[in-house]
Each structure stands twice: as structure tokens, then as C-alpha cells.
């Protein structure tokens, strides 16, 4: 069996946390196979530059994993407000060599069409069908791509973190629906975001007790700012 890196072990540990938590009903917790095609981080970053013309910041090699995908879906069994989540993170080489997502924006402007052509989705809600998608924006000369969070009818929003920080936050939030809003400028005080605000408030009340090994202080501060 292929030896896993410490970073890859952190993702296996995430799935273990979900499976072991009695307070959660886990409907999916899948570790995709280690790719036999994609190599280590340095090799893949070199391949992306040679074959796709995408030169990534070497710092992003620190959050590279070789799994084809990592995915989970869950909900809290008993809660005053419904708390649930999902993630489905694809291998970065598959993502960057793929095509733009079909987001179906109504009447896109020329700027929006250009943005859409540059997006490559890497984390979505394929099982529950909630319609959330997070994408990397591929631009010439940009080694650390922007992140954009698409929520369908509620719009697309630029996030203020990079790819590695996103994956770190995902492992803390466990993919709670709407956690990405905490890293945007969206106001969760708006009426159309009421359910998201309640869900994230519930998550930040419950998760520090369920998963005490993680630090939730930054997420609390971000939620207060968004509210």
C-alpha cells in the first residue's frame, strides 16, 4: 500500500472524526483511491506547467494530496436548528486540466462570461444537490489562484483565502453548508441568508464540544463580522 504523507493522513483523520461522532448521521464518508497516475506534489506541479501552462505557487504544494477525491455528507441527529454539510474535493490535477463548470448564470455580462471561463470547480455538493460549488480561478501569471464560491440563485462570491487555507477551514467546519460565506463580504444579516446564519451559529456552538481538538475562534469572529 502506498505510504501516505502527513497531510494525506489529516484527511483520513477528518473522515475518521465524522464516522466516530455519535452526534452525526453520516450518509457518506469516502476516501478515493490514491492516484496511480498523478505523482507527488513537485512532479504534478511541473506537469501542470508543462502540459496545461499553469504555473502554481510552490507554497501550494503543502496542501497537495494524491487521493482522486475526498467526500462526505452528514447531518446532526438532534439539533434545535438543522445542521448539515457536505464536501466533495477533487484532485487538483483533475480540476485544473478540466473544463469550466456549467453554472447557468442568467444573462451573464461579458465580465461574468470571462470569469466563468476561468473557473475550475474543485469542491461541491454532488450527493445532496444543494447547489454549492467552490472553484479556482485560472488566470495567466497568477500562481495562487483566487477562490470563488457559487451558490446558484444567491450569486457567486470571491473568497478572501487561498486554496490551502480553504482546505484547512473545510476540515474544521466539516463542510457545514454555507461555511464559505464566512470568508466573503456577504452580509448574513440579510433575510435570504437567515437559514445559513442559523446553521453556522449552531455549528459554532456545537462543534467546539464535538471536536475540541480544533480551534473555532477565528470562525466565530468571522461570523460576528458577517452578522
C-alpha atoms as a PDB file:
ATOM      1  CA  UNK A   1       0.000   0.000   0.000  1.00  0.00           C
ATOM      2  CA  UNK A   2       1.258   3.491  -0.838  1.00  0.00           C
ATOM      3  CA  UNK A   3       2.614   5.332   2.185  1.00  0.00           C
ATOM      4  CA  UNK A   4       0.555   8.422   2.947  1.00  0.00           C
ATOM      5  CA  UNK A   5       2.053  11.816   3.663  1.00  0.00           C
ATOM      6  CA  UNK A   6       1.255  13.581   6.957  1.00  0.00           C
ATOM      7  CA  UNK A   7      -1.069  15.914   5.050  1.00  0.00           C
ATOM      8  CA  UNK A   8      -2.919  12.986   3.479  1.00  0.00           C
ATOM      9  CA  UNK A   9      -3.261  11.443   6.946  1.00  0.00           C
ATOM     10  CA  UNK A  10      -5.012  14.629   8.085  1.00  0.00           C
ATOM     11  CA  UNK A  11      -7.760  13.965   5.528  1.00  0.00           C
ATOM     12  CA  UNK A  12      -8.096  10.335   6.551  1.00  0.00           C
ATOM     13  CA  UNK A  13      -8.388  11.668  10.102  1.00  0.00           C
ATOM     14  CA  UNK A  14     -11.208  14.003   9.062  1.00  0.00           C
ATOM     15  CA  UNK A  15     -13.273  11.090   7.791  1.00  0.00           C
ATOM     16  CA  UNK A  16     -12.462   9.230  10.999  1.00  0.00           C
ATOM     17  CA  UNK A  17     -13.722  12.151  13.084  1.00  0.00           C
ATOM     18  CA  UNK A  18     -17.011  12.133  11.206  1.00  0.00           C
ATOM     19  CA  UNK A  19     -17.516   8.380  11.463  1.00  0.00           C
ATOM     20  CA  UNK A  20     -16.684   8.331  15.178  1.00  0.00           C
ATOM     21  CA  UNK A  21     -19.015  11.190  16.153  1.00  0.00           C
ATOM     22  CA  UNK A  22     -22.213   9.746  17.614  1.00  0.00           C
ATOM     23  CA  UNK A  23     -23.987  13.096  17.274  1.00  0.00           C
ATOM     24  CA  UNK A  24     -23.760  12.961  13.474  1.00  0.00           C
ATOM     25  CA  UNK A  25     -25.626  10.829  10.980  1.00  0.00           C
ATOM     26  CA  UNK A  26     -23.037  10.254   8.261  1.00  0.00           C
ATOM     27  CA  UNK A  27     -24.509   9.216   4.912  1.00  0.00           C
ATOM     28  CA  UNK A  28     -21.195   9.385   3.047  1.00  0.00           C
ATOM     29  CA  UNK A  29     -17.535   9.290   4.056  1.00  0.00           C
ATOM     30  CA  UNK A  30     -15.427   8.221   1.109  1.00  0.00           C
ATOM     31  CA  UNK A  31     -11.688   8.300   0.657  1.00  0.00           C
ATOM     32  CA  UNK A  32     -10.946   7.954  -3.026  1.00  0.00           C
ATOM     33  CA  UNK A  33      -8.021   5.761  -4.063  1.00  0.00           C
ATOM     34  CA  UNK A  34      -4.517   7.163  -4.177  1.00  0.00           C
ATOM     35  CA  UNK A  35      -3.925   8.039  -7.823  1.00  0.00           C
ATOM     36  CA  UNK A  36      -1.637   5.733  -9.744  1.00  0.00           C
ATOM     37  CA  UNK A  37      -1.372   8.381 -12.468  1.00  0.00           C
ATOM     38  CA  UNK A  38      -0.568  11.542 -10.541  1.00  0.00           C
ATOM     39  CA  UNK A  39       2.742  11.723  -8.729  1.00  0.00           C
ATOM     40  CA  UNK A  40       3.983  13.708  -5.766  1.00  0.00           C
ATOM     41  CA  UNK A  41       3.441  17.445  -5.426  1.00  0.00           C
ATOM     42  CA  UNK A  42       6.611  18.600  -7.190  1.00  0.00           C
ATOM     43  CA  UNK A  43       6.010  16.225 -10.104  1.00  0.00           C
ATOM     44  CA  UNK A  44       2.391  17.265 -10.561  1.00  0.00           C
ATOM     45  CA  UNK A  45       3.095  20.971 -10.332  1.00  0.00           C
ATOM     46  CA  UNK A  46       5.769  20.534 -13.014  1.00  0.00           C
ATOM     47  CA  UNK A  47       3.319  18.568 -15.182  1.00  0.00           C
ATOM     48  CA  UNK A  48       0.634  21.251 -14.815  1.00  0.00           C
ATOM     49  CA  UNK A  49       3.110  23.856 -16.005  1.00  0.00           C
ATOM     50  CA  UNK A  50       4.353  21.753 -18.928  1.00  0.00           C
ATOM     51  CA  UNK A  51       1.074  20.335 -20.199  1.00  0.00           C
ATOM     52  CA  UNK A  52      -1.555  22.847 -19.044  1.00  0.00           C
ATOM     53  CA  UNK A  53       0.508  26.026 -18.980  1.00  0.00           C
ATOM     54  CA  UNK A  54      -0.484  26.598 -15.336  1.00  0.00           C
ATOM     55  CA  UNK A  55       2.372  27.661 -13.058  1.00  0.00           C
ATOM     56  CA  UNK A  56       1.292  27.314  -9.413  1.00  0.00           C
ATOM     57  CA  UNK A  57       2.963  28.893  -6.415  1.00  0.00           C
ATOM     58  CA  UNK A  58       5.243  26.235  -4.843  1.00  0.00           C
ATOM     59  CA  UNK A  59       3.692  27.093  -1.454  1.00  0.00           C
ATOM     60  CA  UNK A  60       0.537  25.288  -2.594  1.00  0.00           C
ATOM     61  CA  UNK A  61       2.455  22.016  -2.656  1.00  0.00           C
ATOM     62  CA  UNK A  62       1.988  21.926   1.118  1.00  0.00           C
ATOM     63  CA  UNK A  63      -1.708  21.106   0.708  1.00  0.00           C
ATOM     64  CA  UNK A  64      -1.394  18.614  -2.128  1.00  0.00           C
ATOM     65  CA  UNK A  65      -2.928  15.168  -1.750  1.00  0.00           C
ATOM     66  CA  UNK A  66      -2.926  12.233  -4.158  1.00  0.00           C
ATOM     67  CA  UNK A  67      -6.430  10.943  -3.471  1.00  0.00           C
ATOM     68  CA  UNK A  68      -8.684  11.047  -6.522  1.00  0.00           C
ATOM     69  CA  UNK A  69     -11.283  12.614  -4.249  1.00  0.00           C
ATOM     70  CA  UNK A  70     -12.319  13.046  -0.612  1.00  0.00           C
ATOM     71  CA  UNK A  71     -16.018  13.294   0.122  1.00  0.00           C
ATOM     72  CA  UNK A  72     -18.537  13.203   2.959  1.00  0.00           C
ATOM     73  CA  UNK A  73     -22.126  14.148   3.728  1.00  0.00           C
ATOM     74  CA  UNK A  74     -23.664  14.301   7.193  1.00  0.00           C
ATOM     75  CA  UNK A  75     -26.288  15.890   9.435  1.00  0.00           C
ATOM     76  CA  UNK A  76     -26.657  16.435  13.156  1.00  0.00           C
ATOM     77  CA  UNK A  77     -29.058  13.863  14.546  1.00  0.00           C
ATOM     78  CA  UNK A  78     -30.635  16.146  17.163  1.00  0.00           C
ATOM     79  CA  UNK A  79     -30.404  19.918  16.976  1.00  0.00           C
ATOM     80  CA  UNK A  80     -32.647  22.933  17.526  1.00  0.00           C
ATOM     81  CA  UNK A  81     -31.657  24.182  14.072  1.00  0.00           C
ATOM     82  CA  UNK A  82     -30.830  21.816  11.205  1.00  0.00           C
ATOM     83  CA  UNK A  83     -27.049  21.499  10.867  1.00  0.00           C
ATOM     84  CA  UNK A  84     -25.716  19.519   7.949  1.00  0.00           C
ATOM     85  CA  UNK A  85     -22.896  19.578   5.462  1.00  0.00           C
ATOM     86  CA  UNK A  86     -21.143  18.032   2.512  1.00  0.00           C
ATOM     87  CA  UNK A  87     -17.853  18.268   0.689  1.00  0.00           C
ATOM     88  CA  UNK A  88     -16.511  16.545  -2.401  1.00  0.00           C
ATOM     89  CA  UNK A  89     -12.953  17.663  -3.104  1.00  0.00           C
ATOM     90  CA  UNK A  90     -11.368  16.522  -6.353  1.00  0.00           C
ATOM     91  CA  UNK A  91      -7.678  16.032  -7.131  1.00  0.00           C
ATOM     92  CA  UNK A  92      -6.149  19.356  -8.139  1.00  0.00           C
ATOM     93  CA  UNK A  93      -4.648  17.962 -11.357  1.00  0.00           C
ATOM     94  CA  UNK A  94      -8.055  16.696 -12.475  1.00  0.00           C
ATOM     95  CA  UNK A  95      -9.529  20.071 -11.567  1.00  0.00           C
ATOM     96  CA  UNK A  96      -7.027  22.250 -13.416  1.00  0.00           C
ATOM     97  CA  UNK A  97      -6.961  20.080 -16.520  1.00  0.00           C
ATOM     98  CA  UNK A  98     -10.760  20.075 -16.695  1.00  0.00           C
ATOM     99  CA  UNK A  99     -13.383  22.402 -18.143  1.00  0.00           C
ATOM    100  CA  UNK A 100     -15.272  25.346 -16.623  1.00  0.00           C
ATOM    101  CA  UNK A 101     -18.396  24.340 -14.661  1.00  0.00           C
ATOM    102  CA  UNK A 102     -21.838  24.746 -16.175  1.00  0.00           C
ATOM    103  CA  UNK A 103     -23.227  27.217 -13.667  1.00  0.00           C
ATOM    104  CA  UNK A 104     -26.064  28.525 -15.801  1.00  0.00           C
ATOM    105  CA  UNK A 105     -25.863  32.169 -14.750  1.00  0.00           C
ATOM    106  CA  UNK A 106     -28.844  34.106 -16.156  1.00  0.00           C
ATOM    107  CA  UNK A 107     -27.906  36.776 -18.702  1.00  0.00           C
ATOM    108  CA  UNK A 108     -24.195  36.935 -17.838  1.00  0.00           C
ATOM    109  CA  UNK A 109     -22.300  40.125 -18.591  1.00  0.00           C
ATOM    110  CA  UNK A 110     -19.104  39.951 -20.668  1.00  0.00           C
ATOM    111  CA  UNK A 111     -17.090  40.175 -17.426  1.00  0.00           C
ATOM    112  CA  UNK A 112     -19.089  37.307 -15.936  1.00  0.00           C
ATOM    113  CA  UNK A 113     -18.588  35.196 -19.053  1.00  0.00           C
ATOM    114  CA  UNK A 114     -14.845  35.777 -18.800  1.00  0.00           C
ATOM    115  CA  UNK A 115     -14.875  34.844 -15.100  1.00  0.00           C
ATOM    116  CA  UNK A 116     -16.862  31.683 -15.785  1.00  0.00           C
ATOM    117  CA  UNK A 117     -14.412  30.612 -18.491  1.00  0.00           C
ATOM    118  CA  UNK A 118     -11.593  30.824 -15.939  1.00  0.00           C
ATOM    119  CA  UNK A 119     -13.249  28.868 -13.120  1.00  0.00           C
ATOM    120  CA  UNK A 120     -12.471  25.240 -12.301  1.00  0.00           C
ATOM    121  CA  UNK A 121     -14.701  23.675  -9.651  1.00  0.00           C
ATOM    122  CA  UNK A 122     -12.959  21.577  -7.010  1.00  0.00           C
ATOM    123  CA  UNK A 123     -15.458  21.222  -4.132  1.00  0.00           C
ATOM    124  CA  UNK A 124     -19.182  20.705  -4.500  1.00  0.00           C
ATOM    125  CA  UNK A 125     -22.373  19.137  -3.180  1.00  0.00           C
ATOM    126  CA  UNK A 126     -22.777  16.255  -5.588  1.00  0.00           C
ATOM    127  CA  UNK A 127     -24.745  13.996  -3.242  1.00  0.00           C
ATOM    128  CA  UNK A 128     -27.233  16.353  -1.603  1.00  0.00           C
ATOM    129  CA  UNK A 129     -27.652  18.586  -4.636  1.00  0.00           C
ATOM    130  CA  UNK A 130     -27.639  21.772  -2.545  1.00  0.00           C
ATOM    131  CA  UNK A 131     -26.006  23.547  -5.472  1.00  0.00           C
ATOM    132  CA  UNK A 132     -22.876  24.947  -3.834  1.00  0.00           C
ATOM    133  CA  UNK A 133     -19.609  24.914  -5.756  1.00  0.00           C
ATOM    134  CA  UNK A 134     -16.194  26.336  -4.932  1.00  0.00           C
ATOM    135  CA  UNK A 135     -13.824  26.991  -7.803  1.00  0.00           C
ATOM    136  CA  UNK A 136     -10.272  28.064  -8.531  1.00  0.00           C
ATOM    137  CA  UNK A 137      -9.862  30.934 -10.993  1.00  0.00           C
ATOM    138  CA  UNK A 138      -7.146  30.172 -13.528  1.00  0.00           C
ATOM    139  CA  UNK A 139      -5.501  33.355 -14.827  1.00  0.00           C
ATOM    140  CA  UNK A 140      -2.241  33.807 -16.749  1.00  0.00           C
ATOM    141  CA  UNK A 141       0.621  34.748 -14.454  1.00  0.00           C
ATOM    142  CA  UNK A 142      -1.342  34.118 -11.240  1.00  0.00           C
ATOM    143  CA  UNK A 143       0.374  31.386  -9.231  1.00  0.00           C
ATOM    144  CA  UNK A 144      -2.009  31.418  -6.282  1.00  0.00           C
ATOM    145  CA  UNK A 145      -5.494  31.347  -7.845  1.00  0.00           C
ATOM    146  CA  UNK A 146      -8.471  33.251  -6.482  1.00  0.00           C
ATOM    147  CA  UNK A 147     -11.289  31.229  -4.938  1.00  0.00           C
ATOM    148  CA  UNK A 148     -14.917  31.813  -5.907  1.00  0.00           C
ATOM    149  CA  UNK A 149     -17.984  30.397  -4.155  1.00  0.00           C
ATOM    150  CA  UNK A 150     -21.076  29.867  -6.301  1.00  0.00           C
ATOM    151  CA  UNK A 151     -24.449  29.437  -4.601  1.00  0.00           C
ATOM    152  CA  UNK A 152     -26.763  29.379  -7.610  1.00  0.00           C
ATOM    153  CA  UNK A 153     -29.575  31.943  -7.238  1.00  0.00           C
ATOM    154  CA  UNK A 154     -27.762  33.747  -4.402  1.00  0.00           C
ATOM    155  CA  UNK A 155     -24.826  34.596  -6.625  1.00  0.00           C
ATOM    156  CA  UNK A 156     -21.104  33.994  -6.883  1.00  0.00           C
ATOM    157  CA  UNK A 157     -18.712  35.470  -4.343  1.00  0.00           C
ATOM    158  CA  UNK A 158     -14.953  35.844  -4.171  1.00  0.00           C
ATOM    159  CA  UNK A 159     -13.405  34.333  -1.039  1.00  0.00           C
ATOM    160  CA  UNK A 160     -10.591  36.036   0.874  1.00  0.00           C
ATOM    161  CA  UNK A 161      -8.490  32.903   1.425  1.00  0.00           C
ATOM    162  CA  UNK A 162      -6.380  30.736  -0.846  1.00  0.00           C
ATOM    163  CA  UNK A 163      -6.620  27.059  -1.749  1.00  0.00           C
ATOM    164  CA  UNK A 164      -4.584  25.750   1.199  1.00  0.00           C
ATOM    165  CA  UNK A 165      -6.446  27.890   3.740  1.00  0.00           C
ATOM    166  CA  UNK A 166      -9.729  26.712   2.222  1.00  0.00           C
ATOM    167  CA  UNK A 167      -8.843  23.071   2.745  1.00  0.00           C
ATOM    168  CA  UNK A 168      -7.745  23.817   6.316  1.00  0.00           C
ATOM    169  CA  UNK A 169     -11.061  25.543   7.066  1.00  0.00           C
ATOM    170  CA  UNK A 170     -13.022  22.751   5.418  1.00  0.00           C
ATOM    171  CA  UNK A 171     -11.506  20.190   7.788  1.00  0.00           C
ATOM    172  CA  UNK A 172     -12.553  22.337  10.759  1.00  0.00           C
ATOM    173  CA  UNK A 173     -16.101  23.075   9.548  1.00  0.00           C
ATOM    174  CA  UNK A 174     -16.531  19.542   8.154  1.00  0.00           C
ATOM    175  CA  UNK A 175     -18.162  21.148   5.127  1.00  0.00           C
ATOM    176  CA  UNK A 176     -21.130  22.650   7.007  1.00  0.00           C
ATOM    177  CA  UNK A 177     -23.400  24.111   4.326  1.00  0.00           C
ATOM    178  CA  UNK A 178     -22.568  27.769   3.746  1.00  0.00           C
ATOM    179  CA  UNK A 179     -19.328  27.904   5.752  1.00  0.00           C
ATOM    180  CA  UNK A 180     -17.676  29.543   2.762  1.00  0.00           C
ATOM    181  CA  UNK A 181     -19.716  32.709   3.383  1.00  0.00           C
ATOM    182  CA  UNK A 182     -17.519  33.344   6.428  1.00  0.00           C
ATOM    183  CA  UNK A 183     -14.683  34.130   4.023  1.00  0.00           C
ATOM    184  CA  UNK A 184     -16.631  36.522   1.779  1.00  0.00           C
ATOM    185  CA  UNK A 185     -18.047  40.024   2.174  1.00  0.00           C
ATOM    186  CA  UNK A 186     -21.651  38.788   2.143  1.00  0.00           C
ATOM    187  CA  UNK A 187     -23.894  40.007   4.967  1.00  0.00           C
ATOM    188  CA  UNK A 188     -25.563  37.063   6.691  1.00  0.00           C
ATOM    189  CA  UNK A 189     -27.970  39.519   8.339  1.00  0.00           C
ATOM    190  CA  UNK A 190     -29.943  39.587   5.097  1.00  0.00           C
ATOM    191  CA  UNK A 191     -33.284  37.794   5.164  1.00  0.00           C
ATOM    192  CA  UNK A 192     -32.319  35.447   2.327  1.00  0.00           C
ATOM    193  CA  UNK A 193     -29.350  34.227   4.393  1.00  0.00           C
ATOM    194  CA  UNK A 194     -31.284  33.648   7.621  1.00  0.00           C
ATOM    195  CA  UNK A 195     -31.079  29.850   7.445  1.00  0.00           C
ATOM    196  CA  UNK A 196     -27.347  29.972   6.725  1.00  0.00           C
ATOM    197  CA  UNK A 197     -26.765  32.288   9.695  1.00  0.00           C
ATOM    198  CA  UNK A 198     -28.707  29.940  11.961  1.00  0.00           C
ATOM    199  CA  UNK A 199     -26.835  26.902  10.672  1.00  0.00           C
ATOM    200  CA  UNK A 200     -23.407  28.461  11.159  1.00  0.00           C
ATOM    201  CA  UNK A 201     -24.356  29.782  14.588  1.00  0.00           C
ATOM    202  CA  UNK A 202     -25.454  26.287  15.562  1.00  0.00           C
ATOM    203  CA  UNK A 203     -22.285  24.764  14.145  1.00  0.00           C
ATOM    204  CA  UNK A 204     -20.061  27.124  16.125  1.00  0.00           C
ATOM    205  CA  UNK A 205     -21.991  26.365  19.300  1.00  0.00           C
ATOM    206  CA  UNK A 206     -21.868  22.590  18.848  1.00  0.00           C
ATOM    207  CA  UNK A 207     -18.599  21.738  17.091  1.00  0.00           C
ATOM    208  CA  UNK A 208     -16.179  23.011  19.761  1.00  0.00           C
ATOM    209  CA  UNK A 209     -17.766  20.419  22.058  1.00  0.00           C
ATOM    210  CA  UNK A 210     -17.845  17.634  19.471  1.00  0.00           C
ATOM    211  CA  UNK A 211     -14.372  18.322  18.077  1.00  0.00           C
ATOM    212  CA  UNK A 212     -12.360  20.013  20.867  1.00  0.00           C
ATOM    213  CA  UNK A 213      -9.038  19.441  19.096  1.00  0.00           C
ATOM    214  CA  UNK A 214      -9.889  22.235  16.629  1.00  0.00           C
ATOM    215  CA  UNK A 215      -9.793  25.994  17.181  1.00  0.00           C
ATOM    216  CA  UNK A 216     -13.024  27.768  16.256  1.00  0.00           C
ATOM    217  CA  UNK A 217     -12.135  31.267  17.487  1.00  0.00           C
ATOM    218  CA  UNK A 218     -11.376  32.699  14.024  1.00  0.00           C
ATOM    219  CA  UNK A 219     -14.625  31.310  12.606  1.00  0.00           C
ATOM    220  CA  UNK A 220     -16.592  32.862  15.486  1.00  0.00           C
ATOM    221  CA  UNK A 221     -15.027  36.243  14.798  1.00  0.00           C
ATOM    222  CA  UNK A 222     -15.821  35.928  11.115  1.00  0.00           C
ATOM    223  CA  UNK A 223     -19.450  35.013  11.817  1.00  0.00           C
ATOM    224  CA  UNK A 224     -19.852  38.036  14.069  1.00  0.00           C
ATOM    225  CA  UNK A 225     -18.486  40.211  11.283  1.00  0.00           C
ATOM    226  CA  UNK A 226     -20.858  38.720   8.720  1.00  0.00           C
ATOM    227  CA  UNK A 227     -23.836  39.227  11.039  1.00  0.00           C
END
